[in-house]
Amino acid sequence: MKFVPNLNALTETKTIRRHWSIWAGWFLVAVTFFAFNVKADTNQIESVRIWPSPNSTRVVIDLKEAPEFTYFSLDNPQRLVVDLKQTKKQFDFSKIANQSNLVRKIRSSKPKNNQSTRLVLELTKRVKPQLFALPPTPPYKNRLVIDLVDPDGPATVVKDAKSDPRARDVVVAIDAGHGGEDPGSIGSAGTYEKNITLSISKHLQRLIDKEPGMSAYMIRSGDYYILPNRRPELARQNKADLLISIHADAFTTPQPSGASVWTLSVRRANSELGRWMEQTEKHSELLGGAAEVIQDTTNERYLAQALLDMSMDHSLATSFELSEEMISQMKQVTKMHKKRPQSASLAVLTAPDIPSVLVETGFISNPREEKNLNWDKHRRKLAQAIFTATKRFFQKSPPDGTLWAKQRQESRTHRVRRGDSLSLLAQRYNVKVSDIKSANSLKNDTVRVGQVLSIPQT
């Protein structure tokens, strides 16, 4: 029997196949389009934060994913335009808190395409922008950081002595650790180290500024970030005689407790806690200062060379002596984790010509000490102990040219003891016999036991 094909059935089958082919093609196009749009809109702005400081403003954009961005500047008026690729436009920029004197407002504008977001920073003046992305670092996610540097930042001001215009104050630079994008250690109750350190620093500042012959300079006076290497540079620019860096300690477990005082070690830290602190400092740089870490290489070379300078020996010796005085005062108001000064290689302590100490006021990782550090009365006591130690140290060894050095020189006296003579006193104090006689209106070389003589300066 001869097979005869069913032409109607064949035609129907071809039609079905053709329809399936068309539908499959449209399905593939739809899937591709959907996948493209999903990819195109994967990123999202979650928050925007503005951190003003005296010399700059930092704008931080928190994003769901790592940002892809381009930017350019516009004049008349001054604007910085940032294009974020593959980013959703769902964000209310009108609710951003802004206290910057460089940024008028942040708003959105018409994007380059439907898959991007365009931000416009309206500025008050021409600035030098620096933009860089930061990877997730707890407690933050992906970030785009915009640093706006004020070319006309405030000039450095150094106070003169309050009591005597002919002599200057002892200048103490106070460094409140961390700040801005870098919260420092975070306690179990959510306490940020940067807030504790700033509070103690402000208490210390008030005590110092009230004392005749002393003036305080705040390295950080608000909630903004300064690179650790930059802090001793600011102390030097303000002609500080001492740099005190205030911190709150932390460790991987909640058990450690107590305060401690640290000085610079030119070698690696010789304790587990010291190594932890060094790692924490690097972590802080990642949080708050990536752009400066990348660009600031000359400063690193300078500091490395300066460590070899002989002035560092005097700075280290002075720092250690002051640290012992601080421990003596602090142990009267809080438990001490270490009864002797500790050492670690910390950038904030590397000023070769300025004695520098880092005070860990307690372990914020310890729940009991976190509670104490949140108590303002306790912070005041810590500031008072640090102030008392600093005052006593400089009254014993005032820097040259200061009011206290002048007063010490003018009040130098000697009570005559058995065996003393003018020639012996002249040799001891490196002055001339005739100068001693003139200062005390002596008509001859005779002195008596118990007599108080004024010793003139060399």
Protein backbone atom coordinates (compact mmCIF):
# COMPACT_ATOMS: atom_id res chain seq x y z
CA MET A 1 0.00 0.00 0.00
CA LYS A 2 1.31 3.38 -0.96
CA PHE A 3 1.67 6.02 1.82
CA VAL A 4 -0.06 9.32 1.08
CA PRO A 5 0.98 12.24 3.37
CA ASN A 6 -1.70 14.30 5.07
CA LEU A 7 -1.00 17.76 3.73
CA ASN A 8 -3.34 19.45 6.16
CA ALA A 9 -1.55 17.89 9.17
CA LEU A 10 1.86 18.90 7.83
CA THR A 11 0.71 22.45 7.31
CA GLU A 12 -0.66 22.60 10.84
CA THR A 13 2.57 21.25 12.31
CA LYS A 14 4.66 23.82 10.44
CA THR A 15 2.36 26.58 11.63
CA ILE A 16 2.66 25.45 15.23
CA ARG A 17 6.45 25.26 14.94
CA ARG A 18 6.58 28.74 13.41
CA HIS A 19 4.43 30.14 16.21
CA TRP A 20 6.62 28.46 18.81
CA SER A 21 9.69 29.91 17.15
CA ILE A 22 8.18 33.39 17.22
CA TRP A 23 7.11 33.05 20.85
CA ALA A 24 10.53 31.66 21.84
CA GLY A 25 12.20 34.58 20.13
CA TRP A 26 10.03 37.09 21.94
CA PHE A 27 10.58 35.21 25.20
CA LEU A 28 14.36 35.36 24.70
CA VAL A 29 14.15 39.09 23.97
CA ALA A 30 12.00 39.63 27.05
CA VAL A 31 14.35 37.63 29.29
CA THR A 32 17.35 39.46 27.90
CA PHE A 33 15.65 42.83 28.40
CA PHE A 34 14.60 41.89 31.92
CA ALA A 35 18.07 40.64 32.79
CA PHE A 36 19.62 43.79 31.40
CA ASN A 37 17.33 46.00 33.45
CA VAL A 38 17.93 43.93 36.58
CA LYS A 39 21.66 44.31 36.04
CA ALA A 40 21.26 47.96 35.14
CA ASP A 41 19.40 48.73 38.36
CA THR A 42 21.34 46.53 40.77
CA ASN A 43 22.78 49.42 42.81
CA GLN A 44 20.85 51.74 45.10
CA ILE A 45 21.62 54.78 47.27
CA GLU A 46 20.81 53.90 50.89
CA SER A 47 21.94 57.06 52.69
CA VAL A 48 24.01 60.23 52.30
CA ARG A 49 26.04 61.76 55.12
CA ILE A 50 27.88 65.10 55.24
CA TRP A 51 30.87 65.46 57.61
CA PRO A 52 32.08 69.09 57.83
CA SER A 53 35.47 70.01 59.33
CA PRO A 54 37.33 73.33 59.61
CA ASN A 55 39.34 72.76 56.41
CA SER A 56 37.17 70.42 54.36
CA THR A 57 33.89 68.59 53.99
CA ARG A 58 33.44 64.88 53.41
CA VAL A 59 30.29 63.59 51.70
CA VAL A 60 29.69 59.86 52.09
CA ILE A 61 27.18 58.02 49.91
CA ASP A 62 26.21 54.58 51.24
CA LEU A 63 25.28 52.16 48.45
CA LYS A 64 23.94 48.63 48.14
CA GLU A 65 26.77 47.60 45.80
CA ALA A 66 30.20 48.91 44.82
CA PRO A 67 29.74 52.18 42.89
CA GLU A 68 30.68 52.88 39.28
CA PHE A 69 30.99 56.63 38.83
CA THR A 70 32.29 59.56 36.81
CA TYR A 71 32.34 63.23 37.77
CA PHE A 72 33.10 66.72 36.53
CA SER A 73 32.98 70.31 37.84
CA LEU A 74 30.99 73.31 36.64
CA ASP A 75 31.54 77.04 37.27
CA ASN A 76 29.20 80.01 37.72
CA PRO A 77 27.79 78.75 40.01
CA GLN A 78 30.25 76.23 41.44
CA ARG A 79 28.96 72.65 41.19
CA LEU A 80 30.29 69.11 41.32
CA VAL A 81 28.34 66.65 39.16
CA VAL A 82 28.57 62.93 39.92
CA ASP A 83 27.09 60.23 37.67
CA LEU A 84 26.40 56.87 39.30
CA LYS A 85 26.06 54.08 36.76
CA GLN A 86 23.38 51.37 37.06
CA THR A 87 21.88 53.01 40.14
CA LYS A 88 18.24 53.54 41.06
CA LYS A 89 17.05 57.10 41.47
CA GLN A 90 14.82 56.48 44.50
CA PHE A 91 16.29 58.75 47.20
CA ASP A 92 15.04 61.93 48.90
CA PHE A 93 18.00 64.34 48.94
CA SER A 94 15.98 67.06 50.69
CA LYS A 95 16.27 65.24 54.03
CA ILE A 96 20.07 65.21 54.18
CA ALA A 97 21.47 66.92 57.32
CA ASN A 98 23.92 69.59 56.23
CA GLN A 99 26.07 71.91 58.35
CA SER A 100 28.88 72.34 55.84
CA ASN A 101 30.09 75.79 54.83
CA LEU A 102 31.18 74.37 51.46
CA VAL A 103 28.03 72.49 50.35
CA ARG A 104 24.84 74.47 49.84
CA LYS A 105 22.73 71.44 48.94
CA ILE A 106 22.79 68.07 47.21
CA ARG A 107 20.14 67.35 44.58
CA SER A 108 19.45 65.02 41.70
CA SER A 109 19.43 66.08 38.05
CA LYS A 110 18.55 64.63 34.67
CA PRO A 111 20.76 61.53 34.25
CA LYS A 112 22.77 60.56 31.20
CA ASN A 113 20.45 57.57 30.64
CA ASN A 114 17.64 55.63 32.30
CA GLN A 115 20.04 53.30 34.11
CA SER A 116 22.00 55.96 36.02
CA THR A 117 21.59 58.63 38.69
CA ARG A 118 23.09 62.11 38.50
CA LEU A 119 23.93 63.98 41.71
CA VAL A 120 24.69 67.69 41.80
CA LEU A 121 26.57 69.18 44.76
CA GLU A 122 25.93 72.91 44.81
CA LEU A 123 29.05 74.51 46.34
CA THR A 124 29.75 77.85 47.99
CA LYS A 125 33.19 78.24 46.40
CA ARG A 126 35.69 76.55 44.12
CA VAL A 127 37.12 73.48 45.86
CA LYS A 128 39.49 70.64 45.08
CA PRO A 129 37.40 67.43 44.95
CA GLN A 130 38.72 63.94 45.63
CA LEU A 131 36.42 60.97 44.95
CA PHE A 132 37.07 57.33 45.78
CA ALA A 133 35.14 54.17 46.58
CA LEU A 134 35.51 52.25 49.83
CA PRO A 135 34.64 48.56 50.28
CA PRO A 136 32.38 47.35 53.11
CA THR A 137 34.04 47.83 56.51
CA PRO A 138 31.82 47.27 59.57
CA PRO A 139 29.70 49.09 60.52
CA TYR A 140 29.51 50.49 56.96
CA LYS A 141 28.66 48.96 53.57
CA ASN A 142 29.90 50.08 50.14
CA ARG A 143 30.59 53.81 49.99
CA LEU A 144 31.45 56.56 47.59
CA VAL A 145 33.47 59.22 49.41
CA ILE A 146 33.66 62.80 48.13
CA ASP A 147 36.28 64.97 49.84
CA LEU A 148 35.98 68.71 49.25
CA VAL A 149 39.06 70.63 50.39
CA ASP A 150 38.68 74.34 51.21
CA PRO A 151 41.64 76.21 49.64
CA ASP A 152 41.00 79.11 52.04
CA GLY A 153 40.88 77.11 55.27
CA PRO A 154 41.21 78.88 58.64
CA ALA A 155 44.68 80.08 59.53
CA THR A 156 46.61 78.47 62.35
CA VAL A 157 46.29 80.46 65.57
CA VAL A 158 48.64 80.13 68.53
CA LYS A 159 47.65 81.84 71.76
CA ASP A 160 50.04 84.04 73.68
CA ALA A 161 50.42 83.77 77.42
CA LYS A 162 47.42 85.13 79.31
CA SER A 163 49.40 86.57 82.20
CA ASP A 164 52.51 88.00 80.59
CA PRO A 165 52.81 89.21 76.99
CA ARG A 166 56.56 88.73 77.15
CA ALA A 167 56.25 84.93 77.50
CA ARG A 168 54.11 82.35 75.75
CA ASP A 169 51.82 79.64 77.08
CA VAL A 170 52.63 75.96 77.29
CA VAL A 171 50.62 74.68 74.30
CA VAL A 172 49.01 71.26 74.66
CA ALA A 173 47.55 69.69 71.52
CA ILE A 174 44.60 67.44 72.38
CA ASP A 175 43.72 64.73 69.90
CA ALA A 176 40.27 63.17 70.23
CA GLY A 177 40.74 59.78 68.58
CA HIS A 178 38.82 58.69 65.47
CA GLY A 179 35.85 60.81 64.29
CA GLY A 180 33.54 61.25 61.34
CA GLU A 181 33.47 58.21 59.06
CA ASP A 182 35.63 56.33 61.59
CA PRO A 183 33.63 55.59 64.78
CA GLY A 184 36.52 53.79 66.46
CA SER A 185 35.60 50.84 68.65
CA ILE A 186 31.91 50.21 69.29
CA GLY A 187 30.74 48.96 72.71
CA SER A 188 28.17 46.23 73.22
CA ALA A 189 25.58 48.91 74.06
CA GLY A 190 26.32 50.75 70.82
CA THR A 191 28.65 53.42 72.26
CA TYR A 192 30.99 54.97 69.68
CA GLU A 193 34.56 55.55 70.82
CA LYS A 194 34.75 58.78 68.76
CA ASN A 195 32.03 60.38 70.94
CA ILE A 196 33.68 59.38 74.23
CA THR A 197 37.09 60.68 73.17
CA LEU A 198 35.70 64.02 72.00
CA SER A 199 33.82 64.55 75.28
CA ILE A 200 36.90 63.84 77.43
CA SER A 201 39.03 66.04 75.16
CA LYS A 202 36.66 68.98 75.53
CA HIS A 203 36.70 68.62 79.34
CA LEU A 204 40.50 68.59 79.21
CA GLN A 205 40.54 71.61 76.92
CA ARG A 206 38.46 73.66 79.36
CA LEU A 207 40.75 72.77 82.28
CA ILE A 208 43.89 73.71 80.36
CA ASP A 209 42.49 76.99 79.03
CA LYS A 210 41.51 78.05 82.56
CA GLU A 211 45.07 77.58 83.82
CA PRO A 212 47.30 80.69 83.52
CA GLY A 213 50.31 79.85 81.41
CA MET A 214 48.63 77.00 79.51
CA SER A 215 46.64 76.85 76.26
CA ALA A 216 44.92 73.94 74.52
CA TYR A 217 44.72 73.28 70.79
CA MET A 218 42.08 70.78 69.67
CA ILE A 219 43.26 68.59 66.80
CA ARG A 220 39.62 67.58 66.23
CA SER A 221 36.90 69.83 67.64
CA GLY A 222 33.93 68.12 65.96
CA ASP A 223 32.74 64.89 64.40
CA TYR A 224 35.08 64.60 61.42
CA TYR A 225 38.01 62.41 60.45
CA ILE A 226 41.72 63.30 60.39
CA LEU A 227 44.35 60.85 59.19
CA PRO A 228 46.61 59.64 62.08
CA ASN A 229 49.77 60.92 60.34
CA ARG A 230 48.16 64.33 59.93
CA ARG A 231 47.47 64.79 63.65
CA PRO A 232 51.08 65.27 64.81
CA GLU A 233 51.58 67.60 61.83
CA LEU A 234 48.74 69.80 63.08
CA ALA A 235 50.29 69.78 66.56
CA ARG A 236 53.59 70.95 65.06
CA GLN A 237 51.93 73.68 63.00
CA ASN A 238 50.38 75.04 66.20
CA LYS A 239 53.75 74.93 68.01
CA ALA A 240 52.54 72.43 70.60
CA ASP A 241 54.81 71.45 73.46
CA LEU A 242 52.89 68.20 73.96
CA LEU A 243 50.43 66.00 72.06
CA ILE A 244 47.89 63.99 74.09
CA SER A 245 45.80 61.53 72.09
CA ILE A 246 42.63 60.36 73.85
CA HIS A 247 41.19 56.91 73.09
CA ALA A 248 39.00 54.19 74.57
CA ASP A 249 40.51 50.74 74.38
CA ALA A 250 38.95 47.60 72.93
CA PHE A 251 39.82 43.94 72.54
CA THR A 252 38.41 40.81 70.96
CA THR A 253 36.87 39.66 74.25
CA PRO A 254 34.92 41.65 76.88
CA GLN A 255 37.08 40.61 79.85
CA PRO A 256 40.02 43.09 79.68
CA SER A 257 39.49 46.31 81.62
CA GLY A 258 41.38 49.35 82.89
CA ALA A 259 43.13 52.40 81.49
CA SER A 260 46.66 52.58 80.11
CA VAL A 261 49.14 55.14 78.75
CA TRP A 262 51.16 54.52 75.59
CA THR A 263 54.29 56.02 74.07
CA LEU A 264 55.94 55.43 70.72
CA SER A 265 57.94 52.31 70.04
CA VAL A 266 60.26 52.46 67.03
CA ARG A 267 59.97 48.68 66.88
CA ARG A 268 56.92 46.46 66.61
CA ALA A 269 54.72 46.24 69.68
CA ASN A 270 55.87 43.61 72.14
CA SER A 271 52.42 42.70 73.46
CA GLU A 272 49.27 41.20 72.01
CA LEU A 273 47.28 44.29 72.96
CA GLY A 274 49.84 46.54 71.30
CA ARG A 275 49.62 44.54 68.07
CA TRP A 276 45.83 44.78 68.25
CA MET A 277 46.07 48.57 68.58
CA GLU A 278 48.36 48.79 65.56
CA GLN A 279 45.88 46.77 63.49
CA THR A 280 43.02 48.98 64.75
CA GLU A 281 44.85 52.09 63.54
CA LYS A 282 45.15 50.58 60.04
CA HIS A 283 41.46 49.72 60.19
CA SER A 284 40.68 53.36 61.01
CA GLU A 285 42.63 54.50 57.96
CA LEU A 286 40.48 52.24 55.77
CA LEU A 287 37.32 53.66 57.32
CA GLY A 288 38.10 57.31 57.16
CA GLY A 289 41.21 58.20 55.19
CA ALA A 290 41.71 56.07 52.11
CA ALA A 291 42.37 59.01 49.79
CA GLU A 292 45.04 60.46 52.06
CA VAL A 293 46.64 57.04 52.59
CA ILE A 294 46.93 56.65 48.82
CA GLN A 295 48.34 60.12 48.17
CA ASP A 296 50.42 60.89 51.26
CA THR A 297 53.78 59.26 50.60
CA THR A 298 56.14 62.20 51.12
CA ASN A 299 54.96 62.61 54.70
CA GLU A 300 55.65 58.93 55.41
CA ARG A 301 59.22 59.24 54.16
CA TYR A 302 59.75 62.37 56.23
CA LEU A 303 58.54 60.70 59.40
CA ALA A 304 60.61 57.59 58.77
CA GLN A 305 63.73 59.74 58.43
CA ALA A 306 62.82 61.93 61.38
CA LEU A 307 62.63 58.88 63.65
CA LEU A 308 66.41 58.63 63.24
CA ASP A 309 66.94 62.19 64.38
CA MET A 310 68.40 62.73 67.83
CA SER A 311 65.45 64.91 68.79
CA MET A 312 63.38 61.77 68.92
CA ASP A 313 65.45 60.52 71.86
CA HIS A 314 64.47 63.55 73.93
CA SER A 315 60.86 63.27 72.81
CA LEU A 316 60.67 59.59 73.80
CA ALA A 317 62.29 60.20 77.18
CA THR A 318 59.97 63.11 77.95
CA SER A 319 56.92 61.12 76.83
CA PHE A 320 57.84 58.23 79.10
CA GLU A 321 58.36 60.50 82.11
CA LEU A 322 55.02 62.22 81.52
CA SER A 323 53.32 58.83 81.07
CA GLU A 324 54.48 57.77 84.53
CA GLU A 325 52.99 60.95 86.01
CA MET A 326 49.70 60.32 84.20
CA ILE A 327 49.46 56.77 85.47
CA SER A 328 50.09 58.05 89.00
CA GLN A 329 47.14 60.45 88.68
CA MET A 330 44.76 58.20 86.72
CA LYS A 331 45.01 55.25 89.11
CA GLN A 332 43.31 57.46 91.71
CA VAL A 333 40.12 57.64 89.60
CA THR A 334 40.04 54.39 87.61
CA LYS A 335 41.49 50.91 87.40
CA MET A 336 44.72 50.70 85.41
CA HIS A 337 45.16 47.89 82.91
CA LYS A 338 48.93 48.40 83.05
CA LYS A 339 50.85 50.05 85.88
CA ARG A 340 53.74 51.04 83.62
CA PRO A 341 53.79 52.98 80.33
CA GLN A 342 53.31 50.75 77.28
CA SER A 343 54.71 51.20 73.77
CA ALA A 344 53.48 50.55 70.25
CA SER A 345 54.19 51.80 66.74
CA LEU A 346 51.31 54.25 66.34
CA ALA A 347 51.30 57.00 63.69
CA VAL A 348 49.71 59.60 65.98
CA LEU A 349 52.76 59.43 68.27
CA THR A 350 55.46 59.86 65.63
CA ALA A 351 56.20 63.59 65.95
CA PRO A 352 60.01 63.55 66.40
CA ASP A 353 60.16 66.93 68.11
CA ILE A 354 57.00 66.87 70.24
CA PRO A 355 56.53 64.63 73.30
CA SER A 356 53.44 62.53 72.60
CA VAL A 357 51.33 60.17 74.68
CA LEU A 358 48.23 58.13 73.90
CA VAL A 359 45.80 57.66 76.80
CA GLU A 360 43.45 54.69 76.69
CA THR A 361 40.74 55.75 79.14
CA GLY A 362 39.22 52.29 79.55
CA PHE A 363 37.95 49.29 77.58
CA ILE A 364 34.81 50.18 75.67
CA SER A 365 34.57 46.47 74.85
CA ASN A 366 34.01 45.80 78.58
CA PRO A 367 30.30 46.39 79.44
CA ARG A 368 31.05 47.82 82.90
CA GLU A 369 33.68 50.25 81.61
CA GLU A 370 31.48 51.20 78.65
CA LYS A 371 28.86 52.22 81.20
CA ASN A 372 31.45 54.26 83.14
CA LEU A 373 32.67 56.00 79.99
CA ASN A 374 29.08 56.99 79.21
CA TRP A 375 28.91 58.69 82.62
CA ASP A 376 29.93 62.35 82.28
CA LYS A 377 31.17 62.59 85.87
CA HIS A 378 33.63 59.77 85.18
CA ARG A 379 34.83 61.46 81.99
CA ARG A 380 35.40 64.69 83.94
CA LYS A 381 37.48 62.82 86.52
CA LEU A 382 39.60 61.27 83.78
CA ALA A 383 40.16 64.69 82.20
CA GLN A 384 41.10 66.15 85.61
CA ALA A 385 43.68 63.39 86.20
CA ILE A 386 45.25 63.93 82.78
CA PHE A 387 45.31 67.70 83.35
CA THR A 388 46.87 67.44 86.82
CA ALA A 389 49.64 65.18 85.51
CA THR A 390 50.34 67.51 82.59
CA LYS A 391 50.40 70.62 84.77
CA ARG A 392 52.73 69.06 87.36
CA PHE A 393 55.08 67.81 84.66
CA PHE A 394 55.43 71.19 82.94
CA GLN A 395 55.72 73.10 86.19
CA LYS A 396 58.75 70.96 87.02
CA SER A 397 60.19 71.16 83.49
CA PRO A 398 58.72 74.16 81.64
CA PRO A 399 59.68 74.60 77.97
CA ASP A 400 62.00 77.49 77.15
CA GLY A 401 60.31 80.77 76.40
CA THR A 402 57.13 79.98 78.32
CA LEU A 403 55.63 81.97 81.15
CA TRP A 404 56.28 79.12 83.57
CA ALA A 405 59.93 78.96 82.53
CA LYS A 406 60.25 82.71 83.07
CA GLN A 407 58.60 82.53 86.48
CA ARG A 408 60.81 79.61 87.46
CA GLN A 409 63.91 81.49 86.42
CA GLU A 410 62.88 84.64 88.23
CA SER A 411 62.07 82.77 91.42
CA ARG A 412 65.27 80.68 91.57
CA THR A 413 66.60 80.88 95.10
CA HIS A 414 69.05 79.02 97.31
CA ARG A 415 68.99 78.62 101.10
CA VAL A 416 72.56 78.67 102.39
CA ARG A 417 73.65 75.47 104.14
CA ARG A 418 76.75 74.62 106.15
CA GLY A 419 79.77 74.52 103.83
CA ASP A 420 78.27 76.78 101.16
CA SER A 421 80.28 79.70 99.79
CA LEU A 422 79.69 82.19 96.99
CA SER A 423 82.33 80.56 94.82
CA LEU A 424 80.73 77.11 95.32
CA LEU A 425 77.25 78.47 94.51
CA ALA A 426 78.59 80.28 91.44
CA GLN A 427 80.04 77.02 90.19
CA ARG A 428 76.88 75.04 90.96
CA TYR A 429 74.52 77.45 89.16
CA ASN A 430 76.99 78.41 86.42
CA VAL A 431 76.93 82.12 87.24
CA LYS A 432 79.51 84.67 88.30
CA VAL A 433 80.19 85.47 91.96
CA SER A 434 79.80 89.16 91.15
CA ASP A 435 76.32 88.51 89.70
CA ILE A 436 75.20 86.73 92.89
CA LYS A 437 76.53 89.62 95.00
CA SER A 438 74.80 92.15 92.78
CA ALA A 439 71.46 90.29 92.83
CA ASN A 440 71.52 90.14 96.64
CA SER A 441 73.19 93.53 97.34
CA LEU A 442 76.11 91.81 99.10
CA LYS A 443 79.07 94.05 100.00
CA ASN A 444 81.44 91.13 100.66
CA ASP A 445 81.77 87.38 100.08
CA THR A 446 80.39 86.40 103.48
CA VAL A 447 77.14 84.39 103.67
CA ARG A 448 75.44 82.85 106.70
CA VAL A 449 73.65 79.53 107.18
CA GLY A 450 69.90 79.87 106.52
CA GLN A 451 70.30 82.96 104.39
CA VAL A 452 68.10 82.87 101.23
CA LEU A 453 69.93 84.08 98.12
CA SER A 454 68.44 84.96 94.74
CA ILE A 455 70.33 83.19 91.96
CA PRO A 456 70.44 85.22 88.76
CA GLN A 457 70.08 83.60 85.34
CA THR A 458 73.08 82.82 83.23
